[in-house]
Protein backbone atom coordinates (compact mmCIF):
# COMPACT_ATOMS: atom_id res chain seq x y z
CA MET A 1 -0.02 0.06 0.21
CA LYS A 2 1.24 3.42 -0.96
CA ASN A 3 1.75 6.27 1.71
CA ILE A 4 0.96 9.77 1.30
CA VAL A 5 1.39 12.76 3.28
CA VAL A 6 -1.28 15.43 2.46
CA VAL A 7 -0.94 18.97 4.09
CA GLY A 8 -3.80 21.37 3.19
CA GLY A 9 -6.98 22.48 4.03
CA ALA A 10 -10.44 20.84 5.77
CA ASN A 11 -13.56 22.75 5.90
CA ILE A 12 -17.26 22.53 5.96
CA ASP A 13 -18.79 23.04 2.80
CA ILE A 14 -22.28 24.51 2.08
CA VAL A 15 -23.28 24.47 -1.16
CA ALA A 16 -26.57 25.37 -2.72
CA PHE A 17 -28.28 24.81 -6.00
CA PRO A 18 -31.23 26.71 -7.50
CA ASP A 19 -34.15 24.78 -9.18
CA GLY A 20 -34.03 26.88 -11.99
CA GLU A 21 -32.17 29.89 -13.76
CA LEU A 22 -30.79 32.61 -11.05
CA ARG A 23 -31.92 36.25 -11.16
CA ALA A 24 -29.82 38.79 -9.53
CA HIS A 25 -30.90 40.39 -6.44
CA ASP A 26 -33.62 37.66 -5.71
CA SER A 27 -33.82 34.54 -3.65
CA ALA A 28 -34.66 31.53 -5.46
CA PRO A 29 -36.31 28.18 -4.46
CA GLY A 30 -33.72 25.10 -4.90
CA HIS A 31 -31.89 22.74 -2.57
CA SER A 32 -28.58 22.74 -0.37
CA SER A 33 -26.15 20.50 1.30
CA VAL A 34 -23.79 20.59 4.01
CA THR A 35 -20.92 18.27 3.99
CA PHE A 36 -16.93 18.16 4.57
CA GLY A 37 -14.70 19.49 2.23
CA GLY A 38 -11.47 21.36 1.81
CA VAL A 39 -8.87 20.71 -1.08
CA GLY A 40 -6.37 18.78 1.05
CA ARG A 41 -9.26 16.95 2.88
CA ASN A 42 -10.78 16.03 -0.41
CA ILE A 43 -7.91 14.73 -2.05
CA ALA A 44 -7.02 12.75 0.95
CA GLU A 45 -10.41 11.01 1.25
CA ASN A 46 -10.07 10.32 -2.65
CA LEU A 47 -6.62 8.89 -2.17
CA VAL A 48 -7.87 6.62 0.75
CA MET A 49 -10.76 5.64 -1.29
CA MET A 50 -8.34 4.57 -4.19
CA GLY A 51 -6.36 2.29 -1.63
CA CYS A 52 -3.78 4.32 -0.43
CA ARG A 53 -2.69 5.02 3.46
CA VAL A 54 -2.85 8.75 4.14
CA ARG A 55 -1.47 10.87 7.02
CA PHE A 56 -3.31 14.32 6.77
CA VAL A 57 -1.74 17.37 8.22
CA THR A 58 -3.82 20.48 8.67
CA VAL A 59 -5.32 22.90 11.42
CA PHE A 60 -8.68 22.53 12.96
CA GLY A 61 -10.64 24.86 15.17
CA ASN A 62 -12.03 24.16 18.49
CA ASP A 63 -15.81 24.69 17.59
CA SER A 64 -18.51 21.81 17.11
CA PHE A 65 -18.14 21.85 13.44
CA SER A 66 -14.49 21.18 14.15
CA ARG A 67 -14.92 18.57 16.35
CA THR A 68 -17.54 16.80 13.90
CA MET A 69 -15.33 17.05 10.88
CA LYS A 70 -12.33 15.51 12.74
CA ALA A 71 -14.49 12.50 13.93
CA ASP A 72 -15.73 12.18 10.21
CA ILE A 73 -11.86 12.42 8.86
CA MET A 74 -10.99 9.71 11.15
CA ASP A 75 -13.84 7.43 10.38
CA LYS A 76 -12.94 7.70 6.81
CA GLY A 77 -9.63 5.96 7.66
CA ILE A 78 -7.45 9.16 7.19
CA ASP A 79 -4.79 9.69 10.02
CA ILE A 80 -4.90 13.16 11.78
CA SER A 81 -2.37 12.61 14.44
CA LEU A 82 -0.04 15.16 12.74
CA SER A 83 -2.84 17.84 12.57
CA ARG A 84 -3.16 20.41 15.48
CA THR A 85 -6.10 22.17 16.97
CA ILE A 86 -6.10 25.75 17.28
CA HIS A 87 -8.02 26.96 20.36
CA GLY A 88 -10.26 30.04 20.11
CA ALA A 89 -10.50 29.48 16.17
CA PRO A 90 -13.38 28.55 14.36
CA CYS A 91 -13.60 25.85 11.59
CA SER A 92 -12.79 26.70 8.27
CA LYS A 93 -16.18 27.36 6.08
CA TYR A 94 -16.47 27.23 2.05
CA ILE A 95 -19.62 28.46 0.90
CA CYS A 96 -20.55 28.31 -2.75
CA LEU A 97 -23.73 28.95 -4.98
CA ASN A 98 -23.90 26.86 -8.21
CA SER A 99 -26.14 27.32 -11.06
CA HIS A 100 -28.91 24.65 -11.58
CA GLU A 101 -26.78 23.11 -14.34
CA GLY A 102 -24.21 22.06 -11.38
CA GLU A 103 -21.44 25.35 -12.35
CA LEU A 104 -19.64 27.18 -9.78
CA VAL A 105 -21.40 31.00 -9.74
CA ALA A 106 -19.77 32.25 -6.56
CA ALA A 107 -18.40 31.40 -3.46
CA ILE A 108 -16.94 32.84 -0.41
CA ASN A 109 -14.34 30.94 2.05
CA ASP A 110 -13.69 31.91 5.73
CA MET A 111 -10.46 30.39 6.66
CA SER A 112 -8.75 32.14 8.70
CA VAL A 113 -7.55 29.27 10.83
CA TYR A 114 -5.06 28.25 8.04
CA ASP A 115 -2.87 31.30 9.19
CA HIS A 116 -1.90 28.83 11.97
CA MET A 117 -0.82 26.11 9.45
CA GLY A 118 2.89 26.59 10.74
CA GLU A 119 1.90 25.10 14.13
CA ALA A 120 1.80 21.59 12.18
CA ILE A 121 4.67 22.17 10.07
CA ASN A 122 7.40 20.63 12.44
CA ALA A 123 10.11 18.19 12.84
CA GLU A 124 7.58 15.11 13.16
CA SER A 125 5.43 15.91 10.05
CA ILE A 126 8.57 16.73 8.09
CA ALA A 127 10.07 13.31 9.09
CA ALA A 128 6.64 11.75 8.04
CA MET A 129 6.82 13.31 4.54
CA ASN A 130 10.48 11.86 4.12
CA GLU A 131 9.29 8.54 4.70
CA ALA A 132 6.27 9.03 2.19
CA ASP A 133 6.04 8.08 -1.51
CA MET A 134 4.36 11.29 -2.19
CA VAL A 135 3.44 14.36 -0.52
CA VAL A 136 0.62 16.49 -1.73
CA LEU A 137 0.36 20.17 -0.49
CA ASP A 138 -2.15 22.93 -1.28
CA ALA A 139 -2.21 26.78 -1.43
CA ASN A 140 -4.01 27.04 1.85
CA THR A 141 -0.54 26.62 3.27
CA THR A 142 1.21 30.05 3.45
CA ALA A 143 4.22 30.80 1.31
CA PRO A 144 6.59 30.56 4.17
CA ASP A 145 5.41 27.33 5.30
CA LEU A 146 5.59 26.14 1.96
CA GLU A 147 9.13 27.13 1.58
CA ARG A 148 9.94 25.53 5.09
CA ILE A 149 8.35 22.16 3.61
CA VAL A 150 10.30 22.10 0.47
CA SER A 151 13.51 23.13 2.07
CA ALA A 152 13.29 19.99 4.39
CA CYS A 153 11.22 17.44 2.31
CA THR A 154 13.27 15.09 -0.33
CA THR A 155 9.87 13.22 -1.51
CA PRO A 156 8.22 14.31 -4.48
CA ILE A 157 5.63 16.84 -4.51
CA ALA A 158 2.22 17.38 -6.06
CA PHE A 159 0.72 20.51 -5.61
CA ASP A 160 -3.02 21.85 -6.12
CA ALA A 161 -3.33 25.89 -6.64
CA VAL A 162 -6.76 25.93 -4.58
CA SER A 163 -7.58 29.36 -6.19
CA LEU A 164 -6.85 32.56 -8.16
CA SER A 165 -6.30 34.31 -4.83
CA LYS A 166 -3.90 31.81 -3.44
CA VAL A 167 -2.16 30.34 -6.38
CA SER A 168 0.96 32.79 -6.11
CA ARG A 169 1.97 31.12 -2.79
CA CYS A 170 3.81 28.47 -4.86
CA SER A 171 5.72 30.86 -6.87
CA SER A 172 9.15 30.24 -5.11
CA ILE A 173 8.89 26.50 -4.81
CA LEU A 174 8.06 25.80 -8.66
CA ASN A 175 11.30 24.13 -9.01
CA ARG A 176 10.56 21.45 -6.38
CA ILE A 177 7.14 20.65 -7.45
CA PHE A 178 6.63 17.19 -9.18
CA LEU A 179 3.01 17.39 -10.34
CA PHE A 180 1.28 20.75 -10.57
CA LYS A 181 -2.27 20.78 -11.61
CA PRO A 182 -3.76 24.40 -11.85
CA ASN A 183 -6.82 25.41 -14.02
CA ILE A 184 -6.30 27.72 -16.88
CA TYR A 185 -7.01 30.48 -15.02
CA GLU A 186 -4.76 29.70 -11.69
CA ALA A 187 -2.08 29.34 -14.36
CA GLU A 188 -2.51 32.64 -15.79
CA GLU A 189 -2.68 34.30 -12.76
CA LEU A 190 0.57 32.80 -11.70
CA LEU A 191 2.24 33.58 -14.97
CA LYS A 192 0.82 37.14 -15.43
CA GLU A 193 4.02 39.11 -15.07
CA GLU A 194 5.52 36.97 -18.19
CA LEU A 195 2.56 37.11 -20.01
CA ALA A 196 2.35 40.92 -19.90
CA ALA A 197 5.86 40.76 -20.95
CA SER A 198 5.28 38.38 -24.06
CA GLY A 199 2.24 40.34 -25.53
CA SER A 200 0.49 36.96 -26.40
CA THR A 201 -3.12 37.87 -26.29
CA GLU A 202 -4.86 36.16 -29.57
CA LEU A 203 -4.38 32.61 -28.74
CA SER A 204 -6.65 29.92 -28.56
CA LEU A 205 -7.72 28.08 -25.13
CA ARG A 206 -5.28 25.00 -25.95
CA GLU A 207 -2.86 27.31 -27.53
CA ARG A 208 -2.70 29.24 -23.88
CA ALA A 209 -2.48 25.78 -21.97
CA GLY A 210 0.55 24.81 -24.01
CA LEU A 211 2.22 28.26 -23.59
CA TYR A 212 1.20 28.33 -19.55
CA ALA A 213 2.66 24.78 -19.40
CA GLY A 214 6.05 25.73 -21.02
CA LEU A 215 6.47 28.47 -19.10
CA LEU A 216 5.74 26.51 -15.92
CA ARG A 217 8.25 23.70 -16.86
CA LYS A 218 11.03 26.48 -17.47
CA LYS A 219 10.56 27.58 -13.68
CA GLY A 220 11.22 23.73 -12.86
CA VAL A 221 7.80 21.92 -12.79
CA GLU A 222 8.44 18.30 -13.98
CA ASN A 223 4.93 17.30 -14.84
CA VAL A 224 2.05 20.02 -15.54
CA MET A 225 -1.65 19.46 -16.12
CA ILE A 226 -3.46 22.30 -16.87
CA SER A 227 -7.63 21.90 -16.73
CA MET A 228 -9.57 23.64 -19.50
CA GLY A 229 -12.79 22.68 -18.07
CA ALA A 230 -14.95 20.99 -20.72
CA ASP A 231 -12.04 20.99 -23.46
CA GLY A 232 -10.04 18.64 -21.08
CA VAL A 233 -6.65 18.73 -19.48
CA TYR A 234 -3.48 19.91 -21.33
CA TYR A 235 -0.64 17.80 -20.09
CA GLU A 236 3.11 18.28 -20.52
CA ASN A 237 6.51 16.96 -19.45
CA GLU A 238 9.97 16.72 -20.85
CA SER A 239 9.04 13.83 -22.82
CA GLU A 240 5.23 14.16 -23.65
CA SER A 241 2.40 16.08 -24.18
CA GLY A 242 -1.24 16.33 -25.36
CA ILE A 243 -4.49 16.88 -24.61
CA MET A 244 -6.70 14.40 -22.24
CA PRO A 245 -10.52 14.97 -23.32
CA SER A 246 -13.25 15.42 -20.71
CA MET A 247 -14.56 12.09 -19.74
CA VAL A 248 -17.63 13.64 -18.01
CA THR A 249 -20.97 12.80 -19.28
CA LYS A 250 -23.29 14.12 -16.77
CA VAL A 251 -22.71 17.18 -14.61
CA VAL A 252 -24.42 17.39 -11.00
CA ASN A 253 -21.74 19.47 -9.36
CA THR A 254 -18.38 20.65 -10.27
CA SER A 255 -17.05 21.46 -7.08
CA GLY A 256 -14.32 18.83 -5.77
CA CYS A 257 -13.54 17.57 -9.45
CA GLY A 258 -9.99 19.13 -9.51
CA ASP A 259 -9.32 17.29 -6.42
CA ALA A 260 -10.44 14.06 -7.46
CA PHE A 261 -8.47 14.65 -10.73
CA LEU A 262 -5.20 15.04 -8.76
CA ALA A 263 -6.13 12.29 -6.66
CA GLY A 264 -6.43 9.92 -9.69
CA ALA A 265 -3.15 11.39 -11.26
CA ILE A 266 -1.20 10.81 -8.28
CA ARG A 267 -2.37 7.20 -7.74
CA ALA A 268 -1.57 6.27 -11.35
CA HIS A 269 1.90 7.65 -10.98
CA LEU A 270 2.52 5.55 -7.94
CA GLU A 271 1.67 2.64 -10.08
CA GLY A 272 4.28 3.63 -12.61
CA GLY A 273 2.37 5.32 -15.10
CA SER A 274 2.95 7.67 -17.77
CA ILE A 275 1.74 11.33 -17.77
CA ASN A 276 -0.63 10.37 -20.31
CA THR A 277 -1.89 7.58 -17.99
CA MET A 278 -1.94 9.97 -15.05
CA ALA A 279 -4.39 12.44 -17.04
CA ARG A 280 -6.39 9.53 -18.12
CA TYR A 281 -6.98 8.37 -14.54
CA GLY A 282 -7.38 11.91 -13.12
CA SER A 283 -9.98 12.69 -15.98
CA ALA A 284 -11.77 9.51 -15.01
CA ALA A 285 -11.94 10.31 -11.19
CA ALA A 286 -13.07 13.95 -12.28
CA ALA A 287 -15.97 12.39 -14.23
CA ILE A 288 -17.13 10.35 -11.25
CA CYS A 289 -16.81 13.41 -8.92
CA ALA A 290 -19.15 15.69 -11.50
CA GLU A 291 -22.13 13.08 -11.01
CA SER A 292 -21.91 13.30 -7.06
CA ASP A 293 -23.65 16.07 -5.42
CA THR A 294 -20.98 16.14 -2.83
CA THR A 295 -17.43 17.17 -3.16
CA VAL A 296 -16.33 13.45 -2.94
CA SER A 297 -17.86 10.87 -4.42
CA ARG A 298 -19.13 7.72 -2.74
CA ARG A 299 -18.49 5.94 -5.86
CA ILE A 300 -14.62 6.66 -6.16
CA SER A 301 -12.68 3.27 -6.20
CA MET A 302 -9.81 1.76 -8.22
CA GLU A 303 -12.17 -0.70 -9.48
CA ARG A 304 -14.46 2.19 -11.13
CA LEU A 305 -11.39 4.12 -12.60
CA ASN A 306 -10.20 1.04 -14.25
CA ALA A 307 -13.48 0.36 -15.74
CA ILE A 308 -13.68 3.88 -17.04
CA VAL A 309 -10.18 4.20 -18.40
CA ASN A 310 -10.18 0.52 -20.11
CA ARG A 311 -13.82 0.95 -21.86
């Protein structure tokens, strides 16, 4: 069984869907769900469901939401012994509104607890990272703490950008990232200075993804996978590049699809898969997630991933 350490966020996810078209400045009938999420937590849960042993490093508040979430994480078989509880801090929350077609309309994150992430980055957690087969980081961790990790960690690192507002936190550690999976907008935000200097504005979506991947590789990233939404994922490393078409056939909810993708890609890599195979398994995991109304599908498994990839 492969051993993975995930360092990142764990949130309460509150997701709302209207029954029909949304109208500005008006309430709409619909339905909602309250589930456990967070990029790091979602990736950890996906990896456990794919047969990996996962140790999760995060910080929790000490309110009732936090206690319930910790119990749920442990029930799912994720080891949180390296995590820390911040007394007086509230649980991290992610609140989003989707369209009736399942696409994200707007979201707010209340995540000040992650300012304390450094309390969980210590000799014990670094030692665990160096004993793992893969370390997964997300941008809920501050830039100084990311730099502390990569300066001491020798294990290959996968990185999730999380959001436009947080992606720049990885700018100083790109040369240590083995696998980076931003979406097209996060890559653009991270590279905005280089892009402003290049003057390239009339490129197609796929041309932009190729340009961004090349720039990221020049900065030291070994394997780049850039999500283009319904147009699939552009992937590139030293020896191979291409586009993996989306495998999504039904969209209920897009929240969590990127987390599932990264978990699937990591799982394929740990089995010796090429970057094409990594993108294929990632796309299959994202397709399973898109059919679920929760951020981690209860139907994720290696058996189902293999069935989708091989059909």
